[in-house]
C-alpha cells in the first residue's frame, strides 16, 4: 500500500512538473506577444504624430501665405509634400 501511494505521488509530481513547464512556456509566449504589441502600438502612435505634425505645419504655412480656406484644405491634404515644396521654393530656389 505504501508503494502504491508513492507511485501516485510520483505521477502527480510528474504531471505537476509538466503543467508548470507548460505554464512557463505559455507565459513566455504571452510576454513575447505583449512586447511586439507594445512596439507596434508605439510605432503607430509615432506615425500618427508625424502625420498630424505635417498637417499642422502645412496649415500654418498655408494660412500665413494665402489666407484662403480652400488652399488650406488642399495643403493639409498634401501635408508633408506641401511643406517640402514650400521649403524648396521659398528657401532654396529663391536664395
Protein backbone atom coordinates (compact mmCIF):
# COMPACT_ATOMS: atom_id res chain seq x y z
CA UNK A 1 0.00 0.00 0.00
CA UNK A 2 2.82 2.33 0.73
CA UNK A 3 4.42 1.70 -2.69
CA UNK A 4 1.18 2.48 -4.50
CA UNK A 5 0.88 5.78 -2.60
CA UNK A 6 4.43 6.59 -3.63
CA UNK A 7 3.69 5.83 -7.30
CA UNK A 8 0.59 8.01 -7.25
CA UNK A 9 2.55 10.87 -5.68
CA UNK A 10 5.30 10.44 -8.27
CA UNK A 11 2.77 10.53 -11.14
CA UNK A 12 1.15 13.62 -9.66
CA UNK A 13 4.58 15.20 -9.31
CA UNK A 14 5.41 14.46 -12.93
CA UNK A 15 2.14 15.87 -14.14
CA UNK A 16 2.62 18.92 -11.92
CA UNK A 17 6.11 19.43 -13.38
CA UNK A 18 4.73 19.08 -16.88
CA UNK A 19 1.98 21.54 -16.04
CA UNK A 20 4.49 24.05 -14.65
CA UNK A 21 6.62 23.74 -17.80
CA UNK A 22 3.54 24.24 -19.95
CA UNK A 23 2.53 27.32 -17.98
CA UNK A 24 6.04 28.75 -18.18
CA UNK A 25 6.06 28.27 -21.95
CA UNK A 26 2.68 29.99 -22.25
CA UNK A 27 3.89 32.84 -20.04
CA UNK A 28 6.95 33.36 -22.26
CA UNK A 29 4.72 33.35 -25.33
CA UNK A 30 2.43 35.95 -23.79
CA UNK A 31 5.39 38.14 -22.84
CA UNK A 32 6.71 37.96 -26.41
CA UNK A 33 3.29 38.89 -27.81
CA UNK A 34 2.97 41.76 -25.34
CA UNK A 35 6.32 43.25 -26.29
CA UNK A 36 5.57 43.04 -30.02
CA UNK A 37 2.13 44.57 -29.46
CA UNK A 38 3.64 47.39 -27.42
CA UNK A 39 6.26 48.15 -30.05
CA UNK A 40 3.74 48.12 -32.90
CA UNK A 41 1.47 50.41 -30.90
CA UNK A 42 4.36 52.79 -30.27
CA UNK A 43 5.20 52.81 -33.99
CA UNK A 44 1.57 53.52 -34.87
CA UNK A 45 1.48 56.41 -32.40
CA UNK A 46 4.69 57.88 -33.81
CA UNK A 47 3.36 57.63 -37.37
CA UNK A 48 0.18 59.36 -36.31
CA UNK A 49 2.10 62.16 -34.56
CA UNK A 50 4.34 62.59 -37.62
CA UNK A 51 1.32 62.81 -39.93
CA UNK A 52 -0.53 65.26 -37.67
CA UNK A 53 2.60 67.38 -37.32
CA UNK A 54 2.81 67.62 -41.12
CA UNK A 55 -0.81 68.72 -41.31
CA UNK A 56 -0.29 71.39 -38.65
CA UNK A 57 2.83 72.77 -40.31
CA UNK A 58 1.16 72.86 -43.73
CA UNK A 59 -1.89 74.61 -42.23
CA UNK A 60 0.23 77.29 -40.60
CA UNK A 61 2.25 77.91 -43.77
CA UNK A 62 -0.84 77.99 -45.97
CA UNK A 63 -2.85 80.31 -43.74
CA UNK A 64 0.06 82.70 -43.30
CA UNK A 65 0.69 82.90 -47.06
CA UNK A 66 -2.71 82.63 -48.75
CA UNK A 67 -5.47 83.42 -46.22
CA UNK A 68 -7.72 81.02 -48.13
CA UNK A 69 -9.68 78.15 -46.63
CA UNK A 70 -9.68 76.21 -49.91
CA UNK A 71 -5.89 76.36 -50.26
CA UNK A 72 -5.53 75.48 -46.60
CA UNK A 73 -7.61 72.34 -47.05
CA UNK A 74 -5.68 71.35 -50.18
CA UNK A 75 -2.35 71.93 -48.45
CA UNK A 76 -3.47 69.99 -45.38
CA UNK A 77 -4.31 67.01 -47.59
CA UNK A 78 -0.89 67.20 -49.21
CA UNK A 79 0.70 67.58 -45.75
CA UNK A 80 4.45 66.97 -45.89
CA UNK A 81 4.55 67.25 -49.70
CA UNK A 82 3.43 70.87 -49.44
CA UNK A 83 5.86 71.58 -46.60
CA UNK A 84 8.79 70.21 -48.63
CA UNK A 85 7.63 72.13 -51.72
CA UNK A 86 7.37 75.33 -49.70
CA UNK A 87 10.84 74.95 -48.21
CA UNK A 88 12.40 74.16 -51.59
CA UNK A 89 10.71 77.06 -53.39
CA UNK A 90 11.00 79.64 -50.61
CA UNK A 91 14.46 78.98 -49.26
CA UNK A 92 16.45 77.01 -51.80
CA UNK A 93 15.32 78.30 -55.20
CA UNK A 94 14.74 81.94 -54.21
CA UNK A 95 18.01 82.34 -52.32
